[in-house]
Amino acid sequence: MDTQDFNKLIGLLSKLNAATNKATVVDGSFKKYHTQSIDAIKDFPLHLKRLEQGLKTAKILK
C-alpha cells in the first residue's frame, strides 16, 4: 500500500459522499435512517490522512 492507494480511497469516499448527499435530497427516509453513516463518511477522509501519516512515521509506507 502506498500514498497513491490512499488517494484512490479518498476519491472513492468522495464519490460515496456525493451519492449519499443526492440520496438525502431525493429520499427523505434515507437521511432519517442513515444519518450516522452519512456523518461517518464525511469524517473518514480526515482519519485516512491521519492513518497514512502514522504509517509513514512507522516506516510502513514509503
PDB file of N, CA and C in Angstrom:
ATOM      1  N   MET A   1       0.850  -1.168   0.000  1.00  0.00           N
ATOM      2  CA  MET A   1       0.000   0.000   0.000  1.00  0.00           C
ATOM      3  C   MET A   1       0.894   1.229   0.000  1.00  0.00           C
ATOM      4  N   ASP A   2       0.470   2.248  -0.746  1.00  0.00           N
ATOM      5  CA  ASP A   2       1.251   3.472  -0.811  1.00  0.00           C
ATOM      6  C   ASP A   2       0.323   4.682  -0.818  1.00  0.00           C
ATOM      7  N   THR A   3       0.901   5.854  -0.944  1.00  0.00           N
ATOM      8  CA  THR A   3       0.135   7.104  -0.930  1.00  0.00           C
ATOM      9  C   THR A   3      -0.907   7.130  -2.045  1.00  0.00           C
ATOM     10  N   GLN A   4      -0.557   6.571  -3.171  1.00  0.00           N
ATOM     11  CA  GLN A   4      -1.497   6.545  -4.292  1.00  0.00           C
ATOM     12  C   GLN A   4      -2.760   5.761  -3.929  1.00  0.00           C
ATOM     13  N   ASP A   5      -2.604   4.680  -3.184  1.00  0.00           N
ATOM     14  CA  ASP A   5      -3.761   3.901  -2.738  1.00  0.00           C
ATOM     15  C   ASP A   5      -4.656   4.721  -1.807  1.00  0.00           C
ATOM     16  N   PHE A   6      -4.030   5.492  -0.931  1.00  0.00           N
ATOM     17  CA  PHE A   6      -4.813   6.347  -0.043  1.00  0.00           C
ATOM     18  C   PHE A   6      -5.568   7.408  -0.845  1.00  0.00           C
ATOM     19  N   ASN A   7      -4.939   7.958  -1.861  1.00  0.00           N
ATOM     20  CA  ASN A   7      -5.612   8.945  -2.706  1.00  0.00           C
ATOM     21  C   ASN A   7      -6.810   8.323  -3.424  1.00  0.00           C
ATOM     22  N   LYS A   8      -6.673   7.080  -3.874  1.00  0.00           N
ATOM     23  CA  LYS A   8      -7.787   6.373  -4.515  1.00  0.00           C
ATOM     24  C   LYS A   8      -8.931   6.172  -3.530  1.00  0.00           C
ATOM     25  N   LEU A   9      -8.586   5.783  -2.299  1.00  0.00           N
ATOM     26  CA  LEU A   9      -9.609   5.606  -1.272  1.00  0.00           C
ATOM     27  C   LEU A   9     -10.362   6.900  -1.001  1.00  0.00           C
ATOM     28  N   ILE A  10      -9.635   7.995  -0.910  1.00  0.00           N
ATOM     29  CA  ILE A  10     -10.271   9.287  -0.659  1.00  0.00           C
ATOM     30  C   ILE A  10     -11.158   9.676  -1.839  1.00  0.00           C
ATOM     31  N   GLY A  11     -10.726   9.370  -3.061  1.00  0.00           N
ATOM     32  CA  GLY A  11     -11.554   9.629  -4.236  1.00  0.00           C
ATOM     33  C   GLY A  11     -12.838   8.814  -4.213  1.00  0.00           C
ATOM     34  N   LEU A  12     -12.736   7.551  -3.822  1.00  0.00           N
ATOM     35  CA  LEU A  12     -13.929   6.705  -3.713  1.00  0.00           C
ATOM     36  C   LEU A  12     -14.870   7.209  -2.625  1.00  0.00           C
ATOM     37  N   LEU A  13     -14.301   7.652  -1.520  1.00  0.00           N
ATOM     38  CA  LEU A  13     -15.129   8.215  -0.450  1.00  0.00           C
ATOM     39  C   LEU A  13     -15.840   9.484  -0.908  1.00  0.00           C
ATOM     40  N   SER A  14     -15.186  10.254  -1.733  1.00  0.00           N
ATOM     41  CA  SER A  14     -15.801  11.460  -2.278  1.00  0.00           C
ATOM     42  C   SER A  14     -17.015  11.104  -3.140  1.00  0.00           C
ATOM     43  N   LYS A  15     -16.856  10.072  -3.952  1.00  0.00           N
ATOM     44  CA  LYS A  15     -17.981   9.621  -4.779  1.00  0.00           C
ATOM     45  C   LYS A  15     -19.126   9.097  -3.910  1.00  0.00           C
ATOM     46  N   LEU A  16     -18.779   8.340  -2.873  1.00  0.00           N
ATOM     47  CA  LEU A  16     -19.801   7.818  -1.960  1.00  0.00           C
ATOM     48  C   LEU A  16     -20.502   8.955  -1.230  1.00  0.00           C
ATOM     49  N   ASN A  17     -19.758   9.964  -0.831  1.00  0.00           N
ATOM     50  CA  ASN A  17     -20.333  11.129  -0.161  1.00  0.00           C
ATOM     51  C   ASN A  17     -21.295  11.861  -1.095  1.00  0.00           C
ATOM     52  N   ALA A  18     -20.913  12.012  -2.353  1.00  0.00           N
ATOM     53  CA  ALA A  18     -21.794  12.666  -3.323  1.00  0.00           C
ATOM     54  C   ALA A  18     -23.083  11.862  -3.520  1.00  0.00           C
ATOM     55  N   ALA A  19     -22.944  10.546  -3.573  1.00  0.00           N
ATOM     56  CA  ALA A  19     -24.130   9.693  -3.749  1.00  0.00           C
ATOM     57  C   ALA A  19     -25.057   9.784  -2.537  1.00  0.00           C
ATOM     58  N   THR A  20     -24.484   9.806  -1.335  1.00  0.00           N
ATOM     59  CA  THR A  20     -25.340   9.906  -0.147  1.00  0.00           C
ATOM     60  C   THR A  20     -25.987  11.282  -0.055  1.00  0.00           C
ATOM     61  N   ASN A  21     -25.271  12.323  -0.469  1.00  0.00           N
ATOM     62  CA  ASN A  21     -25.879  13.660  -0.481  1.00  0.00           C
ATOM     63  C   ASN A  21     -27.067  13.699  -1.434  1.00  0.00           C
ATOM     64  N   LYS A  22     -26.917  13.092  -2.591  1.00  0.00           N
ATOM     65  CA  LYS A  22     -28.010  13.041  -3.553  1.00  0.00           C
ATOM     66  C   LYS A  22     -29.177  12.240  -2.983  1.00  0.00           C
ATOM     67  N   ALA A  23     -28.882  11.127  -2.329  1.00  0.00           N
ATOM     68  CA  ALA A  23     -29.937  10.286  -1.760  1.00  0.00           C
ATOM     69  C   ALA A  23     -30.716  11.016  -0.674  1.00  0.00           C
ATOM     70  N   THR A  24     -30.036  11.865   0.104  1.00  0.00           N
ATOM     71  CA  THR A  24     -30.744  12.604   1.155  1.00  0.00           C
ATOM     72  C   THR A  24     -31.705  13.628   0.567  1.00  0.00           C
ATOM     73  N   VAL A  25     -31.376  14.150  -0.609  1.00  0.00           N
ATOM     74  CA  VAL A  25     -32.252  15.116  -1.265  1.00  0.00           C
ATOM     75  C   VAL A  25     -33.441  14.403  -1.917  1.00  0.00           C
ATOM     76  N   VAL A  26     -33.161  13.276  -2.541  1.00  0.00           N
ATOM     77  CA  VAL A  26     -34.188  12.553  -3.298  1.00  0.00           C
ATOM     78  C   VAL A  26     -35.128  11.783  -2.380  1.00  0.00           C
ATOM     79  N   ASP A  27     -34.597  11.193  -1.321  1.00  0.00           N
ATOM     80  CA  ASP A  27     -35.371  10.301  -0.461  1.00  0.00           C
ATOM     81  C   ASP A  27     -35.198  10.710   0.994  1.00  0.00           C
ATOM     82  N   GLY A  28     -36.218  11.319   1.546  1.00  0.00           N
ATOM     83  CA  GLY A  28     -36.154  11.792   2.927  1.00  0.00           C
ATOM     84  C   GLY A  28     -35.936  10.687   3.935  1.00  0.00           C
ATOM     85  N   SER A  29     -36.449   9.496   3.667  1.00  0.00           N
ATOM     86  CA  SER A  29     -36.271   8.397   4.613  1.00  0.00           C
ATOM     87  C   SER A  29     -34.823   7.919   4.650  1.00  0.00           C
ATOM     88  N   PHE A  30     -34.092   8.090   3.551  1.00  0.00           N
ATOM     89  CA  PHE A  30     -32.675   7.722   3.538  1.00  0.00           C
ATOM     90  C   PHE A  30     -31.929   8.507   4.606  1.00  0.00           C
ATOM     91  N   LYS A  31     -32.144   9.806   4.638  1.00  0.00           N
ATOM     92  CA  LYS A  31     -31.477  10.654   5.630  1.00  0.00           C
ATOM     93  C   LYS A  31     -31.909  10.274   7.044  1.00  0.00           C
ATOM     94  N   LYS A  32     -33.180   9.966   7.202  1.00  0.00           N
ATOM     95  CA  LYS A  32     -33.711   9.624   8.514  1.00  0.00           C
ATOM     96  C   LYS A  32     -33.043   8.381   9.091  1.00  0.00           C
ATOM     97  N   TYR A  33     -32.834   7.383   8.259  1.00  0.00           N
ATOM     98  CA  TYR A  33     -32.331   6.102   8.747  1.00  0.00           C
ATOM     99  C   TYR A  33     -30.814   5.935   8.654  1.00  0.00           C
ATOM    100  N   HIS A  34     -30.139   6.802   7.919  1.00  0.00           N
ATOM    101  CA  HIS A  34     -28.713   6.624   7.698  1.00  0.00           C
ATOM    102  C   HIS A  34     -27.871   7.823   8.118  1.00  0.00           C
ATOM    103  N   THR A  35     -28.376   8.655   8.977  1.00  0.00           N
ATOM    104  CA  THR A  35     -27.681   9.872   9.391  1.00  0.00           C
ATOM    105  C   THR A  35     -26.310   9.578   9.990  1.00  0.00           C
ATOM    106  N   GLN A  36     -26.206   8.586  10.858  1.00  0.00           N
ATOM    107  CA  GLN A  36     -24.916   8.280  11.487  1.00  0.00           C
ATOM    108  C   GLN A  36     -23.892   7.828  10.453  1.00  0.00           C
ATOM    109  N   SER A  37     -24.317   7.030   9.489  1.00  0.00           N
ATOM    110  CA  SER A  37     -23.397   6.563   8.451  1.00  0.00           C
ATOM    111  C   SER A  37     -22.959   7.718   7.556  1.00  0.00           C
ATOM    112  N   ILE A  38     -23.877   8.612   7.243  1.00  0.00           N
ATOM    113  CA  ILE A  38     -23.555   9.784   6.419  1.00  0.00           C
ATOM    114  C   ILE A  38     -22.511  10.633   7.128  1.00  0.00           C
ATOM    115  N   ASP A  39     -22.686  10.845   8.429  1.00  0.00           N
ATOM    116  CA  ASP A  39     -21.722  11.628   9.201  1.00  0.00           C
ATOM    117  C   ASP A  39     -20.360  10.939   9.246  1.00  0.00           C
ATOM    118  N   ALA A  40     -20.353   9.627   9.374  1.00  0.00           N
ATOM    119  CA  ALA A  40     -19.089   8.879   9.420  1.00  0.00           C
ATOM    120  C   ALA A  40     -18.327   9.019   8.106  1.00  0.00           C
ATOM    121  N   ILE A  41     -19.035   8.978   6.985  1.00  0.00           N
ATOM    122  CA  ILE A  41     -18.399   9.110   5.672  1.00  0.00           C
ATOM    123  C   ILE A  41     -17.727  10.475   5.534  1.00  0.00           C
ATOM    124  N   LYS A  42     -18.355  11.498   6.060  1.00  0.00           N
ATOM    125  CA  LYS A  42     -17.790  12.846   5.962  1.00  0.00           C
ATOM    126  C   LYS A  42     -16.486  12.979   6.741  1.00  0.00           C
ATOM    127  N   ASP A  43     -16.359  12.266   7.857  1.00  0.00           N
ATOM    128  CA  ASP A  43     -15.165  12.349   8.694  1.00  0.00           C
ATOM    129  C   ASP A  43     -14.055  11.402   8.251  1.00  0.00           C
ATOM    130  N   PHE A  44     -14.386  10.394   7.464  1.00  0.00           N
ATOM    131  CA  PHE A  44     -13.435   9.346   7.126  1.00  0.00           C
ATOM    132  C   PHE A  44     -12.192   9.816   6.378  1.00  0.00           C
ATOM    133  N   PRO A  45     -12.287  10.752   5.423  1.00  0.00           N
ATOM    134  CA  PRO A  45     -11.054  11.201   4.745  1.00  0.00           C
ATOM    135  C   PRO A  45     -10.007  11.758   5.713  1.00  0.00           C
ATOM    136  N   LEU A  46     -10.435  12.474   6.723  1.00  0.00           N
ATOM    137  CA  LEU A  46      -9.502  13.003   7.719  1.00  0.00           C
ATOM    138  C   LEU A  46      -8.809  11.853   8.449  1.00  0.00           C
ATOM    139  N   HIS A  47      -9.567  10.836   8.816  1.00  0.00           N
ATOM    140  CA  HIS A  47      -8.987   9.689   9.507  1.00  0.00           C
ATOM    141  C   HIS A  47      -8.008   8.939   8.604  1.00  0.00           C
ATOM    142  N   LEU A  48      -8.337   8.823   7.342  1.00  0.00           N
ATOM    143  CA  LEU A  48      -7.428   8.159   6.409  1.00  0.00           C
ATOM    144  C   LEU A  48      -6.105   8.900   6.296  1.00  0.00           C
ATOM    145  N   LYS A  49      -6.163  10.216   6.218  1.00  0.00           N
ATOM    146  CA  LYS A  49      -4.938  11.011   6.135  1.00  0.00           C
ATOM    147  C   LYS A  49      -4.089  10.829   7.398  1.00  0.00           C
ATOM    148  N   ARG A  50      -4.737  10.768   8.554  1.00  0.00           N
ATOM    149  CA  ARG A  50      -4.005  10.565   9.810  1.00  0.00           C
ATOM    150  C   ARG A  50      -3.362   9.176   9.835  1.00  0.00           C
ATOM    151  N   LEU A  51      -4.109   8.156   9.389  1.00  0.00           N
ATOM    152  CA  LEU A  51      -3.553   6.808   9.326  1.00  0.00           C
ATOM    153  C   LEU A  51      -2.376   6.738   8.358  1.00  0.00           C
ATOM    154  N   GLU A  52      -2.524   7.402   7.221  1.00  0.00           N
ATOM    155  CA  GLU A  52      -1.442   7.427   6.236  1.00  0.00           C
ATOM    156  C   GLU A  52      -0.187   8.036   6.855  1.00  0.00           C
ATOM    157  N   GLN A  53      -0.338   9.149   7.543  1.00  0.00           N
ATOM    158  CA  GLN A  53       0.811   9.807   8.167  1.00  0.00           C
ATOM    159  C   GLN A  53       1.433   8.904   9.226  1.00  0.00           C
ATOM    160  N   GLY A  54       0.592   8.232  10.007  1.00  0.00           N
ATOM    161  CA  GLY A  54       1.105   7.320  11.017  1.00  0.00           C
ATOM    162  C   GLY A  54       1.872   6.156  10.415  1.00  0.00           C
ATOM    163  N   LEU A  55       1.368   5.627   9.311  1.00  0.00           N
ATOM    164  CA  LEU A  55       2.064   4.527   8.641  1.00  0.00           C
ATOM    165  C   LEU A  55       3.387   4.985   8.034  1.00  0.00           C
ATOM    166  N   LYS A  56       3.422   6.224   7.573  1.00  0.00           N
ATOM    167  CA  LYS A  56       4.686   6.775   7.063  1.00  0.00           C
ATOM    168  C   LYS A  56       5.681   6.937   8.220  1.00  0.00           C
ATOM    169  N   THR A  57       5.207   7.426   9.335  1.00  0.00           N
ATOM    170  CA  THR A  57       6.065   7.599  10.503  1.00  0.00           C
ATOM    171  C   THR A  57       6.614   6.262  10.992  1.00  0.00           C
ATOM    172  N   ALA A  58       5.782   5.224  10.923  1.00  0.00           N
ATOM    173  CA  ALA A  58       6.205   3.885  11.331  1.00  0.00           C
ATOM    174  C   ALA A  58       7.029   3.189  10.259  1.00  0.00           C
ATOM    175  N   LYS A  59       7.229   3.903   9.159  1.00  0.00           N
ATOM    176  CA  LYS A  59       8.016   3.394   8.016  1.00  0.00           C
ATOM    177  C   LYS A  59       7.413   2.137   7.397  1.00  0.00           C
ATOM    178  N   ILE A  60       6.072   2.081   7.429  1.00  0.00           N
ATOM    179  CA  ILE A  60       5.352   1.023   6.743  1.00  0.00           C
ATOM    180  C   ILE A  60       5.083   1.450   5.315  1.00  0.00           C
ATOM    181  N   LEU A  61       4.819   2.747   5.140  1.00  0.00           N
ATOM    182  CA  LEU A  61       4.618   3.331   3.805  1.00  0.00           C
ATOM    183  C   LEU A  61       5.841   4.136   3.413  1.00  0.00           C
ATOM    184  N   LYS A  62       6.098   4.154   2.130  1.00  0.00           N
ATOM    185  CA  LYS A  62       7.224   4.945   1.637  1.00  0.00           C
ATOM    186  C   LYS A  62       6.743   6.274   1.130  1.00  0.00           C
TER     187      LYS A  62
END
